[in-house]
Amino acid sequence: MEMTRPPPKQSAGKQQSVILRAWQQQALRAFIANDAPSFLTVACPGAGKTSFALVAARQWCAGAPRPFVVVVPTQHLKKQWADAALRFGFHLDPAWSAGDGAPATDMHGVVVTYAQAASSWAALAAYSRNGIVVLDEVHHAASDRSWGDGVERAFSGAATRLLLSGTPFRTDDSPIPFVKYSWGDYGDAEPDYEYGYGEALKDGGVVRPVYFPRFDGHMEWINTEGALVEATFEDELASNEWGARLRTALSPDGEWIRTVLAQAHTKLTNIRESHPNAGGLIIATDHEHARSITDLLERRHGVTARIVLSDDPRASDVIDAFAKSDEQWVVAVRMISEGVDIPRLRVAVFATTTTTAMFFRQAVGRIARWTAGISNQKAYMYLPDDLRLRSHAVNIAEQRRHSIELRKERAGEEGFDEVAQEQGSDEQMSLFEALSSTVIDGASSTTADGIDPDEKMVVLPEDLEGFPVDLPPPPPLPGREAADAVDPWGSPAVADETGKSRAQIKSDLRDKNADRVREIVGRTGLGHREVNMRLNRDSGVGRITEATISALTRRLAVADRWIATVRPG
């Protein structure tokens, strides 16, 4: 994830330490000193919230087996958190559900979504009592009232709750459980520790400076009343037409989006000369829009882009494959969101009609993650010059300019998954039709965006000051079957040459057990239920979903012995 360096390999029982960034060390101290059961950390995307949270959990557990629950916004982040936790000695199950029964005793805990927390609050309340809960991107608990209510019911009994967010937020409708607000139960959230984009830039080697090329254009459309409207982004326009103007600019049938895609692709090509595996992200409006953009990239630039759709069950695999590849572009609809870690992204095109400040900041965070060993890591977000997006961009650009000026003085140099919609999106769109869109010549904002060739950001992570923090031993697994082997952290694990996690090993074993059941059914003519009951009885397994690795392995051996006694039919 975002650690400056991976923890050293240590044998069991020896002192271990990690290198934290300055803000992570300060936040950790504040968390340890905190007497309240909840602690809210707001840190900009890419700063290293995940690593901070896992070190904090390690310190809080202090080597004792305590229930550990992580709550995330999306299914994809469940696996990502489980993978990150493994590097800190925690075995978390991202596949658990309440229907499976209690979490298995050879795992430290589980990773669930906010939707799961709402629907399975009773099971999670029983499990998490006296444990630690990490609520990642906690502002999502306000997306649905039932989510907030479920989170409160599920985790009120937890001993400590670590709340994380990548952006400051406010709540004016229903308060988020466990969050303190500036006035009563509403208003701006009051973090216990905050680390903003400007501070991260000043520290150097944490996040990239992001620049915002903005493009005006001339758009024509038929509005919802059937009238012809034409306007540029500079023209005064009734606010109920802003969404239609933006939608027209983004239409794949117009020239505006084609021109912007061409410039973004040229920028990415240039960046790849010094950063060979640099990638680009296009945030599309909907599924049809995403497919049209991938067609444009292929026809006009000869690029085959990956496409990530929110309703595709393979979406997480697509994101993982793109992150590990050197492919140029990925086009996404509400999938590349908070916490998705693809540091090689350097260029983005904001081609969606979602214009809220929170969504915009989260989108910028996708290209702001620092990559080790590369200097002058400028990143670029290509934008329509829509007034709302312009305002969001200027706020971030001001932090960037101020931070870089401070760095010059110090060095003595000369130098997503919100679903909020744009205003008016609920209006009747049946008569709307985008007719044409073109980029106005010379409309690419360069100076107004702060894309200044004199701005320098040359910091290399090798020169970044780190702070070693000693860690207590990792907590033992709560079950008795914890002595299979010892992983590089000294944490109980199963020796496995492929480097699989306990969750992955158990998934493989369950699949193998299912294969054996099918084979026994085919050979004996018995029913699946009867075969499963006999295997569970003979191997001492209660429910296969609650079984440990040792129990699943034992059950597999029982099945193999049974198969050996029965000839194929």
Protein backbone atom coordinates (compact mmCIF):
# COMPACT_ATOMS: atom_id res chain seq x y z
CA MET A 1 0.00 0.00 0.00
CA GLU A 2 1.41 3.42 0.91
CA MET A 3 4.24 2.59 3.32
CA THR A 4 7.48 4.43 2.62
CA ARG A 5 9.33 1.12 3.00
CA PRO A 6 8.13 -2.40 3.76
CA PRO A 7 8.69 -3.64 7.29
CA PRO A 8 11.85 -5.69 7.74
CA LYS A 9 11.63 -9.45 7.85
CA GLN A 10 11.83 -10.56 11.43
CA SER A 11 11.69 -13.88 13.20
CA ALA A 12 9.05 -14.60 15.81
CA GLY A 13 9.50 -12.83 19.12
CA LYS A 14 12.04 -10.24 17.89
CA GLN A 15 11.44 -6.50 17.91
CA GLN A 16 9.99 -5.20 14.66
CA SER A 17 9.81 -1.63 13.41
CA VAL A 18 8.34 0.30 10.51
CA ILE A 19 9.32 3.60 8.95
CA LEU A 20 6.49 6.11 9.17
CA ARG A 21 6.07 9.47 7.55
CA ALA A 22 6.03 12.43 9.92
CA TRP A 23 2.26 12.82 9.79
CA GLN A 24 1.71 9.11 10.40
CA GLN A 25 3.92 9.23 13.47
CA GLN A 26 2.09 12.29 14.81
CA ALA A 27 -1.32 10.76 14.13
CA LEU A 28 -0.24 7.51 15.81
CA ARG A 29 0.80 9.39 18.94
CA ALA A 30 -2.52 11.23 18.98
CA PHE A 31 -4.43 7.96 18.54
CA ILE A 32 -2.55 6.27 21.40
CA ALA A 33 -3.14 9.26 23.67
CA ASN A 34 -6.83 9.45 22.79
CA ASP A 35 -9.16 8.50 25.65
CA ALA A 36 -12.39 8.53 23.63
CA PRO A 37 -13.60 5.32 21.93
CA SER A 38 -13.57 6.98 18.47
CA PHE A 39 -10.74 8.71 16.59
CA LEU A 40 -11.28 10.45 13.23
CA THR A 41 -8.29 10.87 10.91
CA VAL A 42 -8.74 12.97 7.77
CA ALA A 43 -5.77 12.67 5.39
CA CYS A 44 -5.62 13.46 1.70
CA PRO A 45 -5.75 10.57 -0.80
CA GLY A 46 -2.34 9.00 -1.27
CA ALA A 47 -0.96 10.14 2.09
CA GLY A 48 -0.91 6.67 3.63
CA LYS A 49 -4.10 6.26 5.70
CA THR A 50 -4.18 2.47 5.28
CA SER A 51 -0.67 1.95 6.60
CA PHE A 52 -1.29 4.34 9.48
CA ALA A 53 -4.47 2.48 10.44
CA LEU A 54 -2.79 -0.93 10.39
CA VAL A 55 0.14 0.25 12.50
CA ALA A 56 -2.36 1.82 14.92
CA ALA A 57 -4.27 -1.47 15.10
CA ARG A 58 -1.05 -3.38 15.69
CA GLN A 59 -0.13 -1.03 18.55
CA TRP A 60 -3.61 -1.17 20.04
CA CYS A 61 -3.77 -4.98 20.00
CA ALA A 62 -0.37 -5.09 21.75
CA GLY A 63 0.10 -8.74 20.91
CA ALA A 64 -3.27 -9.86 22.31
CA PRO A 65 -5.97 -11.59 20.22
CA ARG A 66 -8.71 -8.99 19.77
CA PRO A 67 -11.54 -8.95 17.21
CA PHE A 68 -10.61 -6.75 14.23
CA VAL A 69 -13.18 -5.46 11.71
CA VAL A 70 -12.54 -3.19 8.72
CA VAL A 71 -15.51 -1.53 6.98
CA VAL A 72 -15.07 -0.24 3.41
CA PRO A 73 -17.29 1.34 0.74
CA THR A 74 -16.87 -1.22 -2.07
CA GLN A 75 -16.30 -4.92 -2.70
CA HIS A 76 -12.98 -4.24 -4.42
CA LEU A 77 -11.56 -2.54 -1.33
CA LYS A 78 -12.29 -5.61 0.81
CA LYS A 79 -9.58 -7.61 -0.93
CA GLN A 80 -7.23 -4.64 -1.07
CA TRP A 81 -7.48 -4.11 2.70
CA ALA A 82 -7.03 -7.83 3.39
CA ASP A 83 -3.87 -7.85 1.26
CA ALA A 84 -2.50 -4.78 3.04
CA ALA A 85 -3.34 -6.17 6.48
CA LEU A 86 -1.40 -9.35 5.72
CA ARG A 87 1.78 -7.30 5.40
CA PHE A 88 1.24 -6.09 8.96
CA GLY A 89 0.68 -9.53 10.42
CA PHE A 90 -3.14 -9.51 10.30
CA HIS A 91 -5.16 -12.24 8.60
CA LEU A 92 -8.51 -10.69 7.65
CA ASP A 93 -11.24 -12.55 5.78
CA PRO A 94 -12.69 -10.45 2.91
CA ALA A 95 -15.20 -13.15 1.95
CA TRP A 96 -17.04 -13.49 5.27
CA SER A 97 -20.78 -12.98 5.43
CA ALA A 98 -23.25 -13.32 8.29
CA GLY A 99 -24.87 -16.29 6.56
CA ASP A 100 -21.62 -18.21 7.00
CA GLY A 101 -21.87 -18.10 10.78
CA ALA A 102 -19.24 -16.68 13.09
CA PRO A 103 -15.85 -15.69 11.63
CA ALA A 104 -13.41 -18.60 11.63
CA THR A 105 -11.08 -18.79 14.62
CA ASP A 106 -7.92 -18.98 12.52
CA MET A 107 -8.42 -15.41 11.25
CA HIS A 108 -7.82 -12.16 13.11
CA GLY A 109 -10.96 -10.58 11.74
CA VAL A 110 -13.05 -9.67 8.73
CA VAL A 111 -13.45 -6.96 6.08
CA VAL A 112 -17.03 -5.96 5.24
CA THR A 113 -18.78 -3.23 3.25
CA TYR A 114 -21.03 -0.57 4.74
CA ALA A 115 -23.97 -2.34 3.11
CA GLN A 116 -22.99 -5.54 4.96
CA ALA A 117 -22.66 -3.63 8.23
CA ALA A 118 -26.22 -2.41 7.79
CA SER A 119 -27.70 -5.82 6.95
CA SER A 120 -25.57 -7.89 9.36
CA TRP A 121 -25.31 -5.52 12.30
CA ALA A 122 -26.36 -8.08 14.90
CA ALA A 123 -23.65 -10.60 13.95
CA LEU A 124 -21.02 -7.84 13.74
CA ALA A 125 -22.09 -6.38 17.10
CA ALA A 126 -21.60 -9.76 18.77
CA TYR A 127 -18.23 -10.29 17.09
CA SER A 128 -16.71 -6.81 17.44
CA ARG A 129 -17.50 -6.26 21.12
CA ASN A 130 -14.29 -5.27 22.91
CA GLY A 131 -12.43 -5.27 19.59
CA ILE A 132 -11.10 -2.64 17.17
CA VAL A 133 -13.03 -1.37 14.14
CA VAL A 134 -11.60 0.65 11.25
CA LEU A 135 -14.24 2.59 9.30
CA ASP A 136 -12.59 3.48 5.98
CA GLU A 137 -13.94 6.53 4.12
CA VAL A 138 -16.46 6.92 6.91
CA HIS A 139 -18.39 9.66 5.08
CA HIS A 140 -19.97 6.84 3.08
CA ALA A 141 -22.00 5.98 6.16
CA ALA A 142 -24.08 9.04 5.29
CA SER A 143 -24.86 7.81 1.76
CA ASP A 144 -27.83 5.80 3.04
CA ARG A 145 -29.62 6.31 6.35
CA SER A 146 -29.76 2.55 6.90
CA TRP A 147 -25.98 2.37 6.52
CA GLY A 148 -25.46 4.90 9.29
CA ASP A 149 -27.96 3.18 11.55
CA GLY A 150 -26.36 -0.20 10.86
CA VAL A 151 -22.87 1.09 11.61
CA GLU A 152 -24.04 2.50 14.93
CA ARG A 153 -25.79 -0.73 15.96
CA ALA A 154 -22.91 -2.93 14.81
CA PHE A 155 -20.00 -1.10 16.43
CA SER A 156 -21.27 0.79 19.47
CA GLY A 157 -19.83 -1.96 21.65
CA ALA A 158 -16.37 -1.95 20.06
CA ALA A 159 -13.56 -0.96 22.40
CA THR A 160 -12.10 1.48 19.88
CA ARG A 161 -13.11 2.82 16.48
CA LEU A 162 -10.63 4.35 14.05
CA LEU A 163 -12.48 6.48 11.49
CA LEU A 164 -10.72 7.39 8.23
CA SER A 165 -11.57 9.81 5.42
CA GLY A 166 -9.67 11.14 2.46
CA THR A 167 -11.42 14.50 2.46
CA PRO A 168 -13.08 16.86 4.96
CA PHE A 169 -16.84 16.40 4.98
CA ARG A 170 -20.00 17.81 6.47
CA THR A 171 -23.40 16.33 7.25
CA ASP A 172 -26.61 18.35 7.12
CA ASP A 173 -29.20 15.57 6.86
CA SER A 174 -28.30 12.67 9.12
CA PRO A 175 -25.18 12.60 11.31
CA ILE A 176 -22.61 9.85 10.88
CA PRO A 177 -22.23 7.69 13.98
CA PHE A 178 -19.14 8.26 16.16
CA VAL A 179 -18.25 11.56 14.39
CA LYS A 180 -17.97 14.86 16.25
CA TYR A 181 -19.42 17.89 14.46
CA SER A 182 -18.82 21.62 14.64
CA TRP A 183 -22.35 22.27 15.85
CA GLY A 184 -24.51 19.63 17.45
CA ASP A 185 -25.12 16.59 15.31
CA TYR A 186 -24.56 18.42 12.02
CA GLY A 187 -22.12 20.67 10.18
CA ASP A 188 -18.44 20.09 9.50
CA ALA A 189 -16.82 16.97 10.91
CA GLU A 190 -14.15 17.69 13.52
CA PRO A 191 -11.16 15.40 12.98
CA ASP A 192 -8.91 14.32 15.80
CA TYR A 193 -6.04 14.54 13.33
CA GLU A 194 -6.01 16.17 9.88
CA TYR A 195 -3.39 16.10 7.12
CA GLY A 196 -4.28 18.00 3.95
CA TYR A 197 -3.04 18.04 0.38
CA GLY A 198 -1.10 21.26 0.92
CA GLU A 199 0.71 19.83 3.93
CA ALA A 200 1.52 16.63 2.03
CA LEU A 201 3.05 18.64 -0.82
CA LYS A 202 5.12 20.68 1.62
CA ASP A 203 6.49 17.51 3.18
CA GLY A 204 7.61 16.24 -0.22
CA GLY A 205 7.68 12.67 -1.47
CA VAL A 206 4.14 11.99 -0.25
CA VAL A 207 1.82 13.14 -3.04
CA ARG A 208 2.29 14.61 -6.50
CA PRO A 209 1.49 18.17 -7.54
CA VAL A 210 -1.61 17.95 -9.75
CA TYR A 211 -2.28 20.38 -12.60
CA PHE A 212 -5.60 21.09 -14.29
CA PRO A 213 -5.68 21.83 -18.04
CA ARG A 214 -9.21 23.19 -18.60
CA PHE A 215 -10.95 23.42 -21.95
CA ASP A 216 -13.69 25.79 -22.99
CA GLY A 217 -15.90 24.90 -25.92
CA HIS A 218 -18.94 25.75 -28.00
CA MET A 219 -21.85 23.41 -27.37
CA GLU A 220 -25.29 23.08 -28.96
CA TRP A 221 -28.13 20.96 -27.58
CA ILE A 222 -31.88 20.52 -27.48
CA ASN A 223 -32.97 21.10 -23.89
CA THR A 224 -35.65 19.28 -21.92
CA GLU A 225 -38.29 21.69 -23.19
CA GLY A 226 -37.39 20.98 -26.82
CA ALA A 227 -35.64 24.35 -27.39
CA LEU A 228 -32.29 24.79 -29.15
CA VAL A 229 -29.58 26.14 -26.83
CA GLU A 230 -25.98 27.02 -27.61
CA ALA A 231 -23.35 28.26 -25.19
CA THR A 232 -19.71 28.14 -24.15
CA PHE A 233 -18.56 27.43 -20.61
CA GLU A 234 -17.91 31.16 -20.24
CA ASP A 235 -21.46 32.18 -21.18
CA GLU A 236 -24.03 33.11 -18.55
CA LEU A 237 -26.56 30.31 -18.40
CA ALA A 238 -29.47 29.33 -16.20
CA SER A 239 -28.27 26.84 -13.61
CA ASN A 240 -30.80 24.23 -14.77
CA GLU A 241 -28.91 24.11 -18.10
CA TRP A 242 -25.45 23.55 -16.61
CA GLY A 243 -25.83 19.78 -16.61
CA ALA A 244 -27.00 19.73 -20.24
CA ARG A 245 -24.06 21.92 -21.34
CA LEU A 246 -21.58 19.62 -19.58
CA ARG A 247 -23.27 16.49 -20.92
CA THR A 248 -23.06 17.92 -24.46
CA ALA A 249 -19.33 18.63 -24.14
CA LEU A 250 -18.73 15.05 -22.98
CA SER A 251 -20.78 13.47 -25.77
CA PRO A 252 -18.62 11.01 -27.74
CA ASP A 253 -20.33 12.20 -30.94
CA GLY A 254 -18.90 15.71 -30.56
CA GLU A 255 -15.42 17.06 -31.22
CA TRP A 256 -14.83 18.46 -27.72
CA ILE A 257 -14.16 15.12 -26.04
CA ARG A 258 -12.12 13.90 -29.00
CA THR A 259 -9.83 16.94 -28.84
CA VAL A 260 -9.34 16.64 -25.08
CA LEU A 261 -8.66 12.90 -25.30
CA ALA A 262 -6.04 13.55 -27.98
CA GLN A 263 -4.23 16.12 -25.82
CA ALA A 264 -4.39 13.88 -22.76
CA HIS A 265 -3.03 10.95 -24.75
CA THR A 266 -0.17 13.09 -26.05
CA LYS A 267 0.65 14.16 -22.49
CA LEU A 268 0.65 10.54 -21.29
CA THR A 269 2.88 9.50 -24.19
CA ASN A 270 5.38 12.21 -23.25
CA ILE A 271 5.33 11.23 -19.56
CA ARG A 272 5.99 7.59 -20.44
CA GLU A 273 9.36 8.60 -21.91
CA SER A 274 10.66 9.10 -18.35
CA HIS A 275 8.05 7.00 -16.51
CA PRO A 276 7.62 4.00 -18.87
CA ASN A 277 4.65 2.35 -17.17
CA ALA A 278 2.72 5.55 -16.43
CA GLY A 279 -1.00 5.13 -16.95
CA GLY A 280 -4.06 7.23 -17.59
CA LEU A 281 -7.60 7.16 -16.18
CA ILE A 282 -10.77 8.37 -17.88
CA ILE A 283 -13.75 8.78 -15.54
CA ALA A 284 -16.82 8.22 -17.70
CA THR A 285 -20.44 9.17 -17.06
CA ASP A 286 -22.12 5.79 -17.54
CA HIS A 287 -21.61 2.38 -19.11
CA GLU A 288 -22.52 3.40 -22.66
CA HIS A 289 -20.33 6.48 -22.40
CA ALA A 290 -17.37 4.38 -21.20
CA ARG A 291 -17.70 1.97 -24.12
CA SER A 292 -17.88 4.85 -26.60
CA ILE A 293 -14.70 6.37 -25.17
CA THR A 294 -12.81 3.09 -25.45
CA ASP A 295 -13.92 2.92 -29.09
CA LEU A 296 -12.57 6.45 -29.67
CA LEU A 297 -9.20 5.55 -28.12
CA GLU A 298 -8.90 2.50 -30.34
CA ARG A 299 -10.01 4.16 -33.59
CA ARG A 300 -8.10 7.40 -33.19
CA HIS A 301 -5.03 6.38 -31.19
CA GLY A 302 -4.69 2.63 -31.68
CA VAL A 303 -4.97 2.04 -27.95
CA THR A 304 -6.92 -0.83 -26.40
CA ALA A 305 -8.14 0.47 -23.06
CA ARG A 306 -9.42 -1.59 -20.18
CA ILE A 307 -12.94 -0.78 -19.12
CA VAL A 308 -14.21 -1.08 -15.52
CA LEU A 309 -17.97 -1.02 -15.00
CA SER A 310 -19.69 -0.86 -11.64
CA ASP A 311 -21.99 -3.82 -12.37
CA ASP A 312 -19.27 -6.10 -13.74
CA PRO A 313 -18.52 -8.92 -11.27
CA ARG A 314 -14.97 -9.05 -12.71
CA ALA A 315 -14.31 -5.36 -12.03
CA SER A 316 -11.86 -5.96 -9.17
CA ASP A 317 -9.84 -8.38 -11.29
CA VAL A 318 -9.71 -5.82 -14.12
CA ILE A 319 -8.43 -3.13 -11.74
CA ASP A 320 -5.79 -5.48 -10.30
CA ALA A 321 -4.62 -6.54 -13.76
CA PHE A 322 -4.34 -2.93 -14.95
CA ALA A 323 -2.48 -1.88 -11.79
CA LYS A 324 0.15 -4.57 -12.38
CA SER A 325 0.50 -3.97 -16.14
CA ASP A 326 2.13 -1.24 -18.20
CA GLU A 327 -1.02 -0.60 -20.25
CA GLN A 328 -1.83 3.01 -21.06
CA TRP A 329 -5.50 3.70 -20.31
CA VAL A 330 -8.33 2.48 -18.10
CA VAL A 331 -11.89 3.82 -18.47
CA ALA A 332 -14.03 3.57 -15.36
CA VAL A 333 -17.56 4.22 -14.16
CA ARG A 334 -17.82 4.59 -10.37
CA MET A 335 -15.16 1.94 -9.74
CA ILE A 336 -11.78 3.66 -9.43
CA SER A 337 -12.66 5.35 -6.15
CA GLU A 338 -11.37 5.99 -2.65
CA GLY A 339 -8.48 3.83 -1.63
CA VAL A 340 -7.88 2.19 -5.00
CA ASP A 341 -4.11 2.11 -5.15
CA ILE A 342 -2.67 2.50 -8.69
CA PRO A 343 0.35 4.78 -8.16
CA ARG A 344 1.37 4.67 -11.82
CA LEU A 345 -1.64 6.80 -12.84
CA ARG A 346 -0.29 10.20 -13.96
CA VAL A 347 -3.00 11.55 -16.30
CA ALA A 348 -6.78 11.65 -15.93
CA VAL A 349 -9.69 12.97 -17.96
CA PHE A 350 -12.69 14.08 -15.93
CA ALA A 351 -15.47 13.03 -18.32
CA THR A 352 -18.32 12.52 -15.88
CA THR A 353 -21.31 14.70 -15.04
CA THR A 354 -20.84 14.20 -11.28
CA THR A 355 -19.51 17.55 -10.08
CA THR A 356 -19.57 17.52 -6.27
CA ALA A 357 -16.47 18.79 -4.48
CA MET A 358 -16.01 15.52 -2.60
CA PHE A 359 -16.17 13.40 -5.76
CA PHE A 360 -13.75 15.76 -7.51
CA ARG A 361 -11.19 15.60 -4.69
CA GLN A 362 -11.42 11.82 -4.61
CA ALA A 363 -10.92 11.70 -8.40
CA VAL A 364 -7.82 13.89 -8.11
CA GLY A 365 -6.54 11.51 -5.45
CA ARG A 366 -6.33 8.71 -8.03
CA ILE A 367 -3.41 10.46 -9.78
CA ALA A 368 -1.79 12.03 -6.72
CA ARG A 369 -0.03 8.96 -5.29
CA TRP A 370 3.76 9.26 -5.27
CA THR A 371 5.89 6.68 -7.09
CA ALA A 372 9.31 5.93 -5.63
CA GLY A 373 12.41 6.87 -7.59
CA ILE A 374 10.92 9.39 -10.05
CA SER A 375 11.53 13.13 -9.78
CA ASN A 376 9.34 15.95 -11.11
CA GLN A 377 6.21 13.84 -10.78
CA LYS A 378 3.62 16.23 -12.14
CA ALA A 379 0.18 14.76 -12.69
CA TYR A 380 -2.57 16.16 -14.92
CA MET A 381 -6.36 16.19 -14.66
CA TYR A 382 -7.99 17.28 -17.94
CA LEU A 383 -11.26 19.11 -17.31
CA PRO A 384 -14.23 20.79 -18.96
CA ASP A 385 -14.08 24.46 -17.97
CA ASP A 386 -17.37 24.10 -16.13
CA LEU A 387 -17.73 26.71 -13.38
CA ARG A 388 -18.17 24.09 -10.65
CA LEU A 389 -15.15 22.03 -11.71
CA ARG A 390 -13.09 25.19 -12.21
CA SER A 391 -13.81 26.20 -8.62
CA HIS A 392 -12.76 22.79 -7.27
CA ALA A 393 -9.57 22.83 -9.36
CA VAL A 394 -8.59 26.36 -8.30
CA ASN A 395 -8.91 25.43 -4.62
CA ILE A 396 -6.50 22.53 -5.07
CA ALA A 397 -4.17 24.50 -7.35
CA GLU A 398 -3.88 27.25 -4.73
CA GLN A 399 -2.73 24.69 -2.16
CA ARG A 400 -0.21 23.38 -4.68
CA ARG A 401 1.23 26.80 -5.53
CA HIS A 402 1.50 27.81 -1.88
CA SER A 403 3.17 24.53 -0.93
CA ILE A 404 5.70 24.69 -3.74
CA GLU A 405 6.56 28.31 -2.90
CA LEU A 406 7.24 27.23 0.68
CA ARG A 407 9.45 24.42 -0.58
CA LYS A 408 11.41 26.94 -2.67
CA GLU A 409 11.98 29.09 0.41
CA ARG A 410 13.10 26.09 2.47
CA ALA A 411 15.52 24.86 -0.20
CA GLY A 412 16.73 28.30 -1.30
CA GLU A 413 15.73 27.50 -4.89
CA GLU A 414 14.15 29.50 -7.67
CA GLY A 415 11.18 27.63 -7.91
CA PHE A 416 -15.16 6.91 -5.95
CA ASP A 417 -17.43 6.02 -4.88
CA GLU A 418 -19.97 8.73 -4.38
CA VAL A 419 -23.01 8.60 -6.57
CA ALA A 420 -23.95 12.25 -6.13
CA GLN A 421 -25.30 13.83 -9.31
CA GLU A 422 -24.91 17.25 -10.85
CA GLN A 423 -27.47 19.96 -10.22
CA GLY A 424 -30.58 19.35 -12.23
CA SER A 425 -29.80 15.70 -12.96
CA ASP A 426 -33.24 14.65 -11.84
CA GLU A 427 -34.94 16.73 -14.49
CA GLN A 428 -36.79 15.08 -17.36
CA MET A 429 -34.14 14.20 -19.97
CA SER A 430 -36.37 12.59 -22.57
CA LEU A 431 -36.20 15.59 -24.93
CA PHE A 432 -32.52 16.36 -24.30
CA GLU A 433 -30.23 15.82 -27.28
CA ALA A 434 -26.58 16.79 -27.65
CA LEU A 435 -26.07 18.25 -31.13
CA SER A 436 -22.45 19.39 -31.36
CA SER A 437 -19.43 20.38 -29.30
CA THR A 438 -16.03 21.79 -30.23
CA VAL A 439 -13.06 23.04 -28.25
CA ILE A 440 -12.59 26.76 -28.76
CA ASP A 441 -9.15 27.50 -30.21
CA GLY A 442 -6.72 28.60 -27.55
CA ALA A 443 -9.17 27.66 -24.82
CA SER A 444 -6.87 25.24 -23.05
CA SER A 445 -6.19 27.11 -19.83
CA THR A 446 -2.50 27.05 -19.07
CA THR A 447 -1.61 30.04 -16.93
CA ALA A 448 -4.98 30.19 -15.19
CA ASP A 449 -4.50 26.60 -14.09
CA GLY A 450 -1.15 27.29 -12.56
CA ILE A 451 0.73 25.09 -15.02
CA ASP A 452 3.88 27.06 -14.51
CA PRO A 453 7.18 25.74 -15.91
CA ASP A 454 9.00 27.46 -13.04
CA GLU A 455 7.25 25.29 -10.47
CA LYS A 456 9.56 22.50 -9.41
CA MET A 457 8.88 19.32 -7.46
CA VAL A 458 12.06 17.29 -7.54
CA VAL A 459 11.89 15.46 -4.22
CA LEU A 460 12.86 11.81 -4.31
CA PRO A 461 11.51 9.42 -1.66
CA GLU A 462 15.03 8.21 -0.94
CA ASP A 463 15.69 11.63 0.59
CA LEU A 464 12.47 11.68 2.59
CA GLU A 465 13.01 11.66 6.33
CA GLY A 466 11.35 8.69 8.00
CA PHE A 467 10.62 7.89 11.61
CA PRO A 468 11.13 4.33 12.89
CA VAL A 469 8.37 3.06 15.14
CA ASP A 470 8.77 -0.16 17.12
CA LEU A 471 5.84 -2.54 16.87
CA PRO A 472 4.62 -5.00 19.48
CA PRO A 473 4.45 -8.66 18.43
CA PRO A 474 1.55 -9.39 16.09
CA PRO A 475 -1.54 -10.70 17.83
CA PRO A 476 -1.91 -14.48 17.90
CA LEU A 477 -4.84 -16.00 16.11
CA PRO A 478 -7.81 -16.52 18.43
CA GLY A 479 -8.13 -20.22 17.65
CA ARG A 480 -5.99 -23.11 18.85
CA GLU A 481 -4.73 -24.02 15.40
CA ALA A 482 -2.16 -21.25 15.20
CA ALA A 483 1.09 -23.17 15.06
CA ASP A 484 1.05 -24.32 11.44
CA ALA A 485 3.97 -22.05 10.60
CA VAL A 486 5.29 -18.55 11.11
CA ASP A 487 5.08 -15.86 8.45
CA PRO A 488 7.80 -13.19 7.89
CA TRP A 489 6.15 -11.00 10.51
CA GLY A 490 6.16 -13.71 13.12
CA SER A 491 2.41 -14.00 12.76
CA PRO A 492 0.76 -17.45 12.83
CA ALA A 493 0.26 -18.58 9.29
CA VAL A 494 0.33 -21.58 7.02
CA ALA A 495 3.55 -22.30 5.21
CA ASP A 496 2.78 -21.92 1.53
CA GLU A 497 5.27 -21.63 -1.30
CA THR A 498 2.92 -19.52 -3.39
CA GLY A 499 2.71 -16.82 -0.73
CA LYS A 500 -1.06 -17.08 -0.47
CA SER A 501 -2.90 -15.59 2.47
CA ARG A 502 -4.86 -17.76 4.89
CA ALA A 503 -8.06 -16.46 3.28
CA GLN A 504 -6.85 -17.57 -0.16
CA ILE A 505 -5.72 -20.96 1.15
CA LYS A 506 -9.10 -21.53 2.80
CA SER A 507 -10.93 -20.54 -0.38
CA ASP A 508 -8.87 -23.07 -2.35
CA LEU A 509 -9.54 -25.77 0.26
CA ARG A 510 -13.28 -25.10 0.20
CA ASP A 511 -13.24 -25.40 -3.60
CA LYS A 512 -11.37 -28.70 -3.37
CA ASN A 513 -13.84 -29.96 -0.76
CA ALA A 514 -16.72 -29.04 -3.05
CA ASP A 515 -15.05 -30.95 -5.91
CA ARG A 516 -14.70 -34.04 -3.71
CA VAL A 517 -18.38 -33.87 -2.72
CA ARG A 518 -19.42 -33.77 -6.36
CA GLU A 519 -17.19 -36.76 -7.11
CA ILE A 520 -18.59 -38.77 -4.16
CA VAL A 521 -22.15 -37.94 -5.20
CA GLY A 522 -21.38 -39.14 -8.72
CA ARG A 523 -19.81 -42.38 -7.50
CA THR A 524 -22.29 -43.29 -4.77
CA GLY A 525 -25.58 -41.78 -5.93
CA LEU A 526 -26.03 -40.18 -2.50
CA GLY A 527 -27.35 -36.63 -2.21
CA HIS A 528 -25.12 -33.60 -1.66
CA ARG A 529 -26.64 -32.93 1.78
CA GLU A 530 -26.02 -36.48 2.98
CA VAL A 531 -22.43 -36.48 1.73
CA ASN A 532 -21.67 -33.12 3.35
CA MET A 533 -23.17 -34.18 6.67
CA ARG A 534 -21.10 -37.39 6.74
CA LEU A 535 -17.86 -35.59 5.83
CA ASN A 536 -18.48 -32.94 8.50
CA ARG A 537 -19.22 -35.58 11.11
CA ASP A 538 -16.18 -37.74 10.31
CA SER A 539 -13.80 -34.77 10.22
CA GLY A 540 -15.21 -32.95 13.24
CA VAL A 541 -16.38 -29.91 11.25
CA GLY A 542 -19.48 -28.00 12.34
CA ARG A 543 -20.03 -25.67 9.37
CA ILE A 544 -17.61 -25.59 6.48
CA THR A 545 -17.83 -21.80 6.32
CA GLU A 546 -16.56 -21.59 9.91
CA ALA A 547 -13.88 -24.26 9.50
CA THR A 548 -10.20 -23.52 10.02
CA ILE A 549 -7.47 -24.48 7.57
CA SER A 550 -6.60 -27.56 9.61
CA ALA A 551 -10.25 -28.63 9.70
CA LEU A 552 -10.69 -28.13 5.96
CA THR A 553 -7.51 -30.10 5.28
CA ARG A 554 -8.72 -32.88 7.58
CA ARG A 555 -12.11 -32.94 5.83
CA LEU A 556 -10.38 -33.19 2.46
CA ALA A 557 -8.39 -36.22 3.66
CA VAL A 558 -11.59 -37.89 4.88
CA ALA A 559 -13.16 -37.31 1.46
CA ASP A 560 -10.14 -38.76 -0.33
CA ARG A 561 -10.27 -41.89 1.81
CA TRP A 562 -13.95 -42.28 1.02
CA ILE A 563 -13.33 -41.87 -2.71
CA ALA A 564 -10.59 -44.51 -2.57
CA THR A 565 -13.11 -47.06 -1.31
CA VAL A 566 -15.68 -46.46 -4.04
CA ARG A 567 -15.13 -47.40 -7.66
CA PRO A 568 -16.26 -44.96 -10.33
CA GLY A 569 -19.82 -45.72 -11.45
